[in-house]
Every structure is written in C-alpha cells, then in structure tokens.
Amino acid sequence: HDRFAVVATSNGANVALEYNRAYPGHAVAMAFSMLP
C-alpha cells in the first residue's frame, strides 16, 4: 500500500502524525478523533 487515508485515535494519532512527518507522500488524508 503506497497511498492511503489514515484514521487514528489517542496515541495512535501521534504515531500517524510522526509517520506522515518521517515518511511523507503516503497519507492522502488524515482523520483524528482523540488528538494529544
């Protein structure tokens, strides 16, 4: 999977944001419910 939307909650949101920063160009949209 090369391009995808990321849906994350709680500390999973921190993982999603770090993934997007460190490995840019793969997340095409990002959704968060709990965002620390």
PDB file of all heavy atoms in Angstrom:
ATOM      1  N   HIS A   1       0.851  -1.194   0.000  1.00  0.00           N
ATOM      2  CA  HIS A   1       0.000   0.000   0.000  1.00  0.00           C
ATOM      3  C   HIS A   1       0.886   1.243   0.000  1.00  0.00           C
ATOM      4  O   HIS A   1       1.667   1.464   0.928  1.00  0.00           O
ATOM      5  CB  HIS A   1      -0.905   0.010   1.225  1.00  0.00           C
ATOM      6  CG  HIS A   1      -1.818  -1.174   1.300  1.00  0.00           C
ATOM      7  ND1 HIS A   1      -2.586  -1.592   0.244  1.00  0.00           N
ATOM      8  CD2 HIS A   1      -2.074  -2.050   2.328  1.00  0.00           C
ATOM      9  CE1 HIS A   1      -3.290  -2.661   0.595  1.00  0.00           C
ATOM     10  NE2 HIS A   1      -2.992  -2.960   1.844  1.00  0.00           N
ATOM     11  N   ASP A   2       0.730   2.067  -1.038  1.00  0.00           N
ATOM     12  CA  ASP A   2       1.582   3.238  -1.184  1.00  0.00           C
ATOM     13  C   ASP A   2       0.880   4.532  -0.787  1.00  0.00           C
ATOM     14  O   ASP A   2       1.490   5.416  -0.186  1.00  0.00           O
ATOM     15  CB  ASP A   2       2.073   3.357  -2.631  1.00  0.00           C
ATOM     16  CG  ASP A   2       3.012   4.532  -2.830  1.00  0.00           C
ATOM     17  OD1 ASP A   2       4.056   4.572  -2.141  1.00  0.00           O
ATOM     18  OD2 ASP A   2       2.695   5.423  -3.649  1.00  0.00           O
ATOM     19  N   ARG A   3      -0.407   4.660  -1.099  1.00  0.00           N
ATOM     20  CA  ARG A   3      -1.150   5.873  -0.783  1.00  0.00           C
ATOM     21  C   ARG A   3      -2.478   5.488  -0.148  1.00  0.00           C
ATOM     22  O   ARG A   3      -3.181   4.600  -0.638  1.00  0.00           O
ATOM     23  CB  ARG A   3      -1.368   6.723  -2.038  1.00  0.00           C
ATOM     24  CG  ARG A   3      -0.054   7.314  -2.559  1.00  0.00           C
ATOM     25  CD  ARG A   3      -0.231   8.059  -3.872  1.00  0.00           C
ATOM     26  NE  ARG A   3      -1.102   9.219  -3.765  1.00  0.00           N
ATOM     27  CZ  ARG A   3      -0.723  10.405  -3.273  1.00  0.00           C
ATOM     28  NH1 ARG A   3       0.517  10.555  -2.799  1.00  0.00           N
ATOM     29  NH2 ARG A   3      -1.554  11.420  -3.250  1.00  0.00           N
ATOM     30  N   PHE A   4      -2.807   6.171   0.938  1.00  0.00           N
ATOM     31  CA  PHE A   4      -3.970   5.766   1.716  1.00  0.00           C
ATOM     32  C   PHE A   4      -4.366   6.883   2.671  1.00  0.00           C
ATOM     33  O   PHE A   4      -3.577   7.786   2.983  1.00  0.00           O
ATOM     34  CB  PHE A   4      -3.662   4.496   2.521  1.00  0.00           C
ATOM     35  CG  PHE A   4      -2.267   4.474   3.090  1.00  0.00           C
ATOM     36  CD1 PHE A   4      -1.953   5.145   4.269  1.00  0.00           C
ATOM     37  CD2 PHE A   4      -1.249   3.797   2.425  1.00  0.00           C
ATOM     38  CE1 PHE A   4      -0.665   5.126   4.781  1.00  0.00           C
ATOM     39  CE2 PHE A   4       0.058   3.785   2.924  1.00  0.00           C
ATOM     40  CZ  PHE A   4       0.349   4.452   4.109  1.00  0.00           C
ATOM     41  N   ALA A   5      -5.601   6.824   3.128  1.00  0.00           N
ATOM     42  CA  ALA A   5      -6.053   7.689   4.210  1.00  0.00           C
ATOM     43  C   ALA A   5      -5.685   7.043   5.532  1.00  0.00           C
ATOM     44  O   ALA A   5      -5.648   5.810   5.648  1.00  0.00           O
ATOM     45  CB  ALA A   5      -7.568   7.904   4.131  1.00  0.00           C
ATOM     46  N   VAL A   6      -5.394   7.872   6.534  1.00  0.00           N
ATOM     47  CA  VAL A   6      -5.056   7.382   7.871  1.00  0.00           C
ATOM     48  C   VAL A   6      -6.090   7.908   8.851  1.00  0.00           C
ATOM     49  O   VAL A   6      -6.345   9.119   8.903  1.00  0.00           O
ATOM     50  CB  VAL A   6      -3.648   7.832   8.301  1.00  0.00           C
ATOM     51  CG1 VAL A   6      -3.340   7.310   9.708  1.00  0.00           C
ATOM     52  CG2 VAL A   6      -2.599   7.347   7.312  1.00  0.00           C
ATOM     53  N   VAL A   7      -6.687   7.005   9.609  1.00  0.00           N
ATOM     54  CA  VAL A   7      -7.670   7.346  10.642  1.00  0.00           C
ATOM     55  C   VAL A   7      -7.092   6.878  11.971  1.00  0.00           C
ATOM     56  O   VAL A   7      -6.781   5.693  12.128  1.00  0.00           O
ATOM     57  CB  VAL A   7      -9.031   6.673  10.371  1.00  0.00           C
ATOM     58  CG1 VAL A   7     -10.039   7.022  11.466  1.00  0.00           C
ATOM     59  CG2 VAL A   7      -9.559   7.087   9.000  1.00  0.00           C
ATOM     60  N   ALA A   8      -6.939   7.794  12.919  1.00  0.00           N
ATOM     61  CA  ALA A   8      -6.235   7.447  14.144  1.00  0.00           C
ATOM     62  C   ALA A   8      -6.899   8.062  15.360  1.00  0.00           C
ATOM     63  O   ALA A   8      -7.587   9.083  15.267  1.00  0.00           O
ATOM     64  CB  ALA A   8      -4.778   7.906  14.058  1.00  0.00           C
ATOM     65  N   THR A   9      -6.666   7.438  16.517  1.00  0.00           N
ATOM     66  CA  THR A   9      -7.233   7.922  17.764  1.00  0.00           C
ATOM     67  C   THR A   9      -6.193   7.852  18.876  1.00  0.00           C
ATOM     68  O   THR A   9      -5.312   6.997  18.871  1.00  0.00           O
ATOM     69  CB  THR A   9      -8.488   7.109  18.148  1.00  0.00           C
ATOM     70  OG1 THR A   9      -9.128   7.725  19.273  1.00  0.00           O
ATOM     71  CG2 THR A   9      -8.135   5.671  18.500  1.00  0.00           C
ATOM     72  N   SER A  10      -6.287   8.769  19.844  1.00  0.00           N
ATOM     73  CA  SER A  10      -5.442   8.791  21.030  1.00  0.00           C
ATOM     74  C   SER A  10      -3.965   8.738  20.634  1.00  0.00           C
ATOM     75  O   SER A  10      -3.555   9.444  19.724  1.00  0.00           O
ATOM     76  CB  SER A  10      -5.857   7.654  21.970  1.00  0.00           C
ATOM     77  OG  SER A  10      -5.300   7.797  23.254  1.00  0.00           O
ATOM     78  N   ASN A  11      -3.148   7.912  21.296  1.00  0.00           N
ATOM     79  CA  ASN A  11      -1.732   7.876  20.941  1.00  0.00           C
ATOM     80  C   ASN A  11      -1.491   7.332  19.538  1.00  0.00           C
ATOM     81  O   ASN A  11      -0.411   7.536  18.969  1.00  0.00           O
ATOM     82  CB  ASN A  11      -0.933   7.075  21.959  1.00  0.00           C
ATOM     83  CG  ASN A  11      -0.536   7.883  23.179  1.00  0.00           C
ATOM     84  OD1 ASN A  11      -0.477   7.366  24.279  1.00  0.00           O
ATOM     85  ND2 ASN A  11      -0.264   9.170  23.008  1.00  0.00           N
ATOM     86  N   GLY A  12      -2.476   6.658  18.970  1.00  0.00           N
ATOM     87  CA  GLY A  12      -2.371   6.285  17.566  1.00  0.00           C
ATOM     88  C   GLY A  12      -2.277   7.507  16.668  1.00  0.00           C
ATOM     89  O   GLY A  12      -1.664   7.461  15.590  1.00  0.00           O
ATOM     90  N   ALA A  13      -2.868   8.629  17.112  1.00  0.00           N
ATOM     91  CA  ALA A  13      -2.764   9.873  16.359  1.00  0.00           C
ATOM     92  C   ALA A  13      -1.329  10.385  16.344  1.00  0.00           C
ATOM     93  O   ALA A  13      -0.855  10.912  15.332  1.00  0.00           O
ATOM     94  CB  ALA A  13      -3.701  10.920  16.957  1.00  0.00           C
ATOM     95  N   ASN A  14      -0.615  10.220  17.461  1.00  0.00           N
ATOM     96  CA  ASN A  14       0.794  10.615  17.497  1.00  0.00           C
ATOM     97  C   ASN A  14       1.626   9.768  16.538  1.00  0.00           C
ATOM     98  O   ASN A  14       2.519  10.280  15.855  1.00  0.00           O
ATOM     99  CB  ASN A  14       1.350  10.499  18.908  1.00  0.00           C
ATOM    100  CG  ASN A  14       0.632  11.393  19.896  1.00  0.00           C
ATOM    101  OD1 ASN A  14      -0.051  10.893  20.788  1.00  0.00           O
ATOM    102  ND2 ASN A  14       0.761  12.694  19.758  1.00  0.00           N
ATOM    103  N   VAL A  15       1.314   8.477  16.480  1.00  0.00           N
ATOM    104  CA  VAL A  15       2.007   7.593  15.545  1.00  0.00           C
ATOM    105  C   VAL A  15       1.714   8.020  14.104  1.00  0.00           C
ATOM    106  O   VAL A  15       2.616   8.094  13.258  1.00  0.00           O
ATOM    107  CB  VAL A  15       1.604   6.126  15.772  1.00  0.00           C
ATOM    108  CG1 VAL A  15       2.227   5.219  14.707  1.00  0.00           C
ATOM    109  CG2 VAL A  15       2.022   5.662  17.165  1.00  0.00           C
ATOM    110  N   ALA A  16       0.446   8.323  13.823  1.00  0.00           N
ATOM    111  CA  ALA A  16       0.061   8.734  12.472  1.00  0.00           C
ATOM    112  C   ALA A  16       0.778  10.011  12.053  1.00  0.00           C
ATOM    113  O   ALA A  16       1.279  10.125  10.923  1.00  0.00           O
ATOM    114  CB  ALA A  16      -1.453   8.936  12.410  1.00  0.00           C
ATOM    115  N   LEU A  17       0.830  10.995  12.953  1.00  0.00           N
ATOM    116  CA  LEU A  17       1.489  12.258  12.624  1.00  0.00           C
ATOM    117  C   LEU A  17       2.987  12.084  12.436  1.00  0.00           C
ATOM    118  O   LEU A  17       3.591  12.691  11.543  1.00  0.00           O
ATOM    119  CB  LEU A  17       1.192  13.284  13.712  1.00  0.00           C
ATOM    120  CG  LEU A  17      -0.233  13.822  13.730  1.00  0.00           C
ATOM    121  CD1 LEU A  17      -0.496  14.617  15.005  1.00  0.00           C
ATOM    122  CD2 LEU A  17      -0.507  14.681  12.497  1.00  0.00           C
ATOM    123  N   GLU A  18       3.614  11.266  13.278  1.00  0.00           N
ATOM    124  CA  GLU A  18       5.045  11.011  13.124  1.00  0.00           C
ATOM    125  C   GLU A  18       5.308  10.242  11.830  1.00  0.00           C
ATOM    126  O   GLU A  18       6.298  10.518  11.126  1.00  0.00           O
ATOM    127  CB  GLU A  18       5.580  10.233  14.316  1.00  0.00           C
ATOM    128  CG  GLU A  18       7.035   9.783  14.194  1.00  0.00           C
ATOM    129  CD  GLU A  18       8.018  10.934  14.057  1.00  0.00           C
ATOM    130  OE1 GLU A  18       7.669  12.094  14.377  1.00  0.00           O
ATOM    131  OE2 GLU A  18       9.159  10.673  13.613  1.00  0.00           O
ATOM    132  N   TYR A  19       4.432   9.302  11.495  1.00  0.00           N
ATOM    133  CA  TYR A  19       4.573   8.578  10.228  1.00  0.00           C
ATOM    134  C   TYR A  19       4.516   9.558   9.054  1.00  0.00           C
ATOM    135  O   TYR A  19       5.345   9.500   8.137  1.00  0.00           O
ATOM    136  CB  TYR A  19       3.477   7.528  10.090  1.00  0.00           C
ATOM    137  CG  TYR A  19       3.428   6.910   8.714  1.00  0.00           C
ATOM    138  CD1 TYR A  19       4.315   5.902   8.349  1.00  0.00           C
ATOM    139  CD2 TYR A  19       2.518   7.370   7.761  1.00  0.00           C
ATOM    140  CE1 TYR A  19       4.304   5.360   7.070  1.00  0.00           C
ATOM    141  CE2 TYR A  19       2.491   6.836   6.480  1.00  0.00           C
ATOM    142  CZ  TYR A  19       3.385   5.834   6.140  1.00  0.00           C
ATOM    143  OH  TYR A  19       3.375   5.311   4.871  1.00  0.00           O
ATOM    144  N   ASN A  20       3.544  10.462   9.087  1.00  0.00           N
ATOM    145  CA  ASN A  20       3.403  11.420   7.998  1.00  0.00           C
ATOM    146  C   ASN A  20       4.630  12.328   7.894  1.00  0.00           C
ATOM    147  O   ASN A  20       5.061  12.691   6.794  1.00  0.00           O
ATOM    148  CB  ASN A  20       2.151  12.266   8.210  1.00  0.00           C
ATOM    149  CG  ASN A  20       1.988  13.336   7.144  1.00  0.00           C
ATOM    150  OD1 ASN A  20       1.617  13.050   6.016  1.00  0.00           O
ATOM    151  ND2 ASN A  20       2.278  14.576   7.501  1.00  0.00           N
ATOM    152  N   ARG A  21       5.207  12.712   9.040  1.00  0.00           N
ATOM    153  CA  ARG A  21       6.390  13.572   9.025  1.00  0.00           C
ATOM    154  C   ARG A  21       7.615  12.833   8.504  1.00  0.00           C
ATOM    155  O   ARG A  21       8.367  13.351   7.673  1.00  0.00           O
ATOM    156  CB  ARG A  21       6.687  14.091  10.439  1.00  0.00           C
ATOM    157  CG  ARG A  21       7.845  15.082  10.516  1.00  0.00           C
ATOM    158  CD  ARG A  21       8.454  15.147  11.902  1.00  0.00           C
ATOM    159  NE  ARG A  21       9.080  13.892  12.307  1.00  0.00           N
ATOM    160  CZ  ARG A  21      10.280  13.492  11.898  1.00  0.00           C
ATOM    161  NH1 ARG A  21      10.991  14.231  11.048  1.00  0.00           N
ATOM    162  NH2 ARG A  21      10.785  12.335  12.301  1.00  0.00           N
ATOM    163  N   ALA A  22       7.822  11.613   9.011  1.00  0.00           N
ATOM    164  CA  ALA A  22       9.039  10.866   8.686  1.00  0.00           C
ATOM    165  C   ALA A  22       8.970  10.187   7.326  1.00  0.00           C
ATOM    166  O   ALA A  22      10.011   9.960   6.695  1.00  0.00           O
ATOM    167  CB  ALA A  22       9.308   9.826   9.772  1.00  0.00           C
ATOM    168  N   TYR A  23       7.766   9.864   6.875  1.00  0.00           N
ATOM    169  CA  TYR A  23       7.585   9.134   5.613  1.00  0.00           C
ATOM    170  C   TYR A  23       6.530   9.852   4.782  1.00  0.00           C
ATOM    171  O   TYR A  23       5.432   9.335   4.566  1.00  0.00           O
ATOM    172  CB  TYR A  23       7.199   7.682   5.890  1.00  0.00           C
ATOM    173  CG  TYR A  23       8.143   7.015   6.866  1.00  0.00           C
ATOM    174  CD1 TYR A  23       7.841   6.957   8.231  1.00  0.00           C
ATOM    175  CD2 TYR A  23       9.358   6.487   6.434  1.00  0.00           C
ATOM    176  CE1 TYR A  23       8.723   6.375   9.137  1.00  0.00           C
ATOM    177  CE2 TYR A  23      10.244   5.907   7.331  1.00  0.00           C
ATOM    178  CZ  TYR A  23       9.926   5.860   8.674  1.00  0.00           C
ATOM    179  OH  TYR A  23      10.799   5.298   9.567  1.00  0.00           O
ATOM    180  N   PRO A  24       6.835  11.046   4.302  1.00  0.00           N
ATOM    181  CA  PRO A  24       5.825  11.868   3.613  1.00  0.00           C
ATOM    182  C   PRO A  24       5.427  11.285   2.263  1.00  0.00           C
ATOM    183  O   PRO A  24       6.156  10.498   1.660  1.00  0.00           O
ATOM    184  CB  PRO A  24       6.538  13.213   3.451  1.00  0.00           C
ATOM    185  CG  PRO A  24       7.998  12.869   3.419  1.00  0.00           C
ATOM    186  CD  PRO A  24       8.152  11.713   4.369  1.00  0.00           C
ATOM    187  N   GLY A  25       4.234  11.714   1.817  1.00  0.00           N
ATOM    188  CA  GLY A  25       3.777  11.355   0.482  1.00  0.00           C
ATOM    189  C   GLY A  25       2.869  10.155   0.419  1.00  0.00           C
ATOM    190  O   GLY A  25       2.336   9.840  -0.660  1.00  0.00           O
ATOM    191  N   HIS A  26       2.667   9.457   1.530  1.00  0.00           N
ATOM    192  CA  HIS A  26       1.817   8.264   1.523  1.00  0.00           C
ATOM    193  C   HIS A  26       0.401   8.555   2.023  1.00  0.00           C
ATOM    194  O   HIS A  26      -0.576   8.053   1.459  1.00  0.00           O
ATOM    195  CB  HIS A  26       2.453   7.161   2.364  1.00  0.00           C
ATOM    196  CG  HIS A  26       3.796   6.729   1.878  1.00  0.00           C
ATOM    197  ND1 HIS A  26       3.980   6.027   0.706  1.00  0.00           N
ATOM    198  CD2 HIS A  26       5.042   6.921   2.398  1.00  0.00           C
ATOM    199  CE1 HIS A  26       5.265   5.787   0.523  1.00  0.00           C
ATOM    200  NE2 HIS A  26       5.936   6.318   1.539  1.00  0.00           N
ATOM    201  N   ALA A  27       0.271   9.347   3.080  1.00  0.00           N
ATOM    202  CA  ALA A  27      -1.046   9.685   3.612  1.00  0.00           C
ATOM    203  C   ALA A  27      -1.696  10.740   2.722  1.00  0.00           C
ATOM    204  O   ALA A  27      -1.147  11.831   2.536  1.00  0.00           O
ATOM    205  CB  ALA A  27      -0.934  10.198   5.044  1.00  0.00           C
ATOM    206  N   VAL A  28      -2.859  10.422   2.182  1.00  0.00           N
ATOM    207  CA  VAL A  28      -3.570  11.359   1.295  1.00  0.00           C
ATOM    208  C   VAL A  28      -4.652  12.122   2.050  1.00  0.00           C
ATOM    209  O   VAL A  28      -5.194  13.103   1.545  1.00  0.00           O
ATOM    210  CB  VAL A  28      -4.178  10.627   0.088  1.00  0.00           C
ATOM    211  CG1 VAL A  28      -3.083   9.948  -0.737  1.00  0.00           C
ATOM    212  CG2 VAL A  28      -5.226   9.598   0.526  1.00  0.00           C
ATOM    213  N   ALA A  29      -4.985  11.684   3.242  1.00  0.00           N
ATOM    214  CA  ALA A  29      -5.956  12.350   4.112  1.00  0.00           C
ATOM    215  C   ALA A  29      -5.747  11.788   5.507  1.00  0.00           C
ATOM    216  O   ALA A  29      -5.329  10.638   5.664  1.00  0.00           O
ATOM    217  CB  ALA A  29      -7.390  12.110   3.640  1.00  0.00           C
ATOM    218  N   MET A  30      -6.058  12.605   6.540  1.00  0.00           N
ATOM    219  CA  MET A  30      -5.831  12.169   7.916  1.00  0.00           C
ATOM    220  C   MET A  30      -7.020  12.578   8.778  1.00  0.00           C
ATOM    221  O   MET A  30      -7.447  13.741   8.757  1.00  0.00           O
ATOM    222  CB  MET A  30      -4.545  12.762   8.479  1.00  0.00           C
ATOM    223  CG  MET A  30      -3.305  12.489   7.637  1.00  0.00           C
ATOM    224  SD  MET A  30      -1.737  12.942   8.455  1.00  0.00           S
ATOM    225  CE  MET A  30      -1.539  11.524   9.561  1.00  0.00           C
ATOM    226  N   ALA A  31      -7.549  11.611   9.533  1.00  0.00           N
ATOM    227  CA  ALA A  31      -8.684  11.862  10.424  1.00  0.00           C
ATOM    228  C   ALA A  31      -8.307  11.461  11.840  1.00  0.00           C
ATOM    229  O   ALA A  31      -7.688  10.421  12.058  1.00  0.00           O
ATOM    230  CB  ALA A  31      -9.912  11.073   9.962  1.00  0.00           C
ATOM    231  N   PHE A  32      -8.715  12.293  12.796  1.00  0.00           N
ATOM    232  CA  PHE A  32      -8.380  12.058  14.200  1.00  0.00           C
ATOM    233  C   PHE A  32      -9.632  12.253  15.058  1.00  0.00           C
ATOM    234  O   PHE A  32     -10.388  13.196  14.851  1.00  0.00           O
ATOM    235  CB  PHE A  32      -7.304  13.039  14.672  1.00  0.00           C
ATOM    236  CG  PHE A  32      -6.083  13.075  13.804  1.00  0.00           C
ATOM    237  CD1 PHE A  32      -5.918  14.067  12.855  1.00  0.00           C
ATOM    238  CD2 PHE A  32      -5.095  12.107  13.923  1.00  0.00           C
ATOM    239  CE1 PHE A  32      -4.796  14.105  12.044  1.00  0.00           C
ATOM    240  CE2 PHE A  32      -3.964  12.131  13.113  1.00  0.00           C
ATOM    241  CZ  PHE A  32      -3.809  13.136  12.168  1.00  0.00           C
ATOM    242  N   SER A  33      -9.810  11.364  16.033  1.00  0.00           N
ATOM    243  CA  SER A  33     -10.899  11.558  16.995  1.00  0.00           C
ATOM    244  C   SER A  33     -10.356  12.032  18.332  1.00  0.00           C
ATOM    245  O   SER A  33     -10.865  12.983  18.915  1.00  0.00           O
ATOM    246  CB  SER A  33     -11.717  10.270  17.170  1.00  0.00           C
ATOM    247  OG  SER A  33     -10.884   9.162  17.454  1.00  0.00           O
ATOM    248  N   MET A  34      -9.320  11.410  18.856  1.00  0.00           N
ATOM    249  CA  MET A  34      -8.620  11.889  20.042  1.00  0.00           C
ATOM    250  C   MET A  34      -7.226  12.309  19.593  1.00  0.00           C
ATOM    251  O   MET A  34      -6.519  11.529  18.962  1.00  0.00           O
ATOM    252  CB  MET A  34      -8.501  10.792  21.105  1.00  0.00           C
ATOM    253  CG  MET A  34      -9.838  10.304  21.652  1.00  0.00           C
ATOM    254  SD  MET A  34     -10.674  11.564  22.604  1.00  0.00           S
ATOM    255  CE  MET A  34     -12.155  11.762  21.612  1.00  0.00           C
ATOM    256  N   LEU A  35      -6.828  13.540  19.917  1.00  0.00           N
ATOM    257  CA  LEU A  35      -5.606  14.079  19.337  1.00  0.00           C
ATOM    258  C   LEU A  35      -4.737  14.728  20.406  1.00  0.00           C
ATOM    259  O   LEU A  35      -4.863  15.912  20.689  1.00  0.00           O
ATOM    260  CB  LEU A  35      -5.967  15.108  18.258  1.00  0.00           C
ATOM    261  CG  LEU A  35      -4.820  15.743  17.481  1.00  0.00           C
ATOM    262  CD1 LEU A  35      -4.012  14.684  16.740  1.00  0.00           C
ATOM    263  CD2 LEU A  35      -5.362  16.786  16.511  1.00  0.00           C
ATOM    264  N   PRO A  36      -3.822  13.974  21.030  1.00  0.00           N
ATOM    265  CA  PRO A  36      -2.974  14.533  22.087  1.00  0.00           C
ATOM    266  C   PRO A  36      -1.778  15.313  21.538  1.00  0.00           C
ATOM    267  O   PRO A  36      -0.658  14.802  21.456  1.00  0.00           O
ATOM    268  CB  PRO A  36      -2.531  13.292  22.869  1.00  0.00           C
ATOM    269  CG  PRO A  36      -2.592  12.176  21.876  1.00  0.00           C
ATOM    270  CD  PRO A  36      -3.667  12.522  20.898  1.00  0.00           C
TER     271      PRO A  36
END
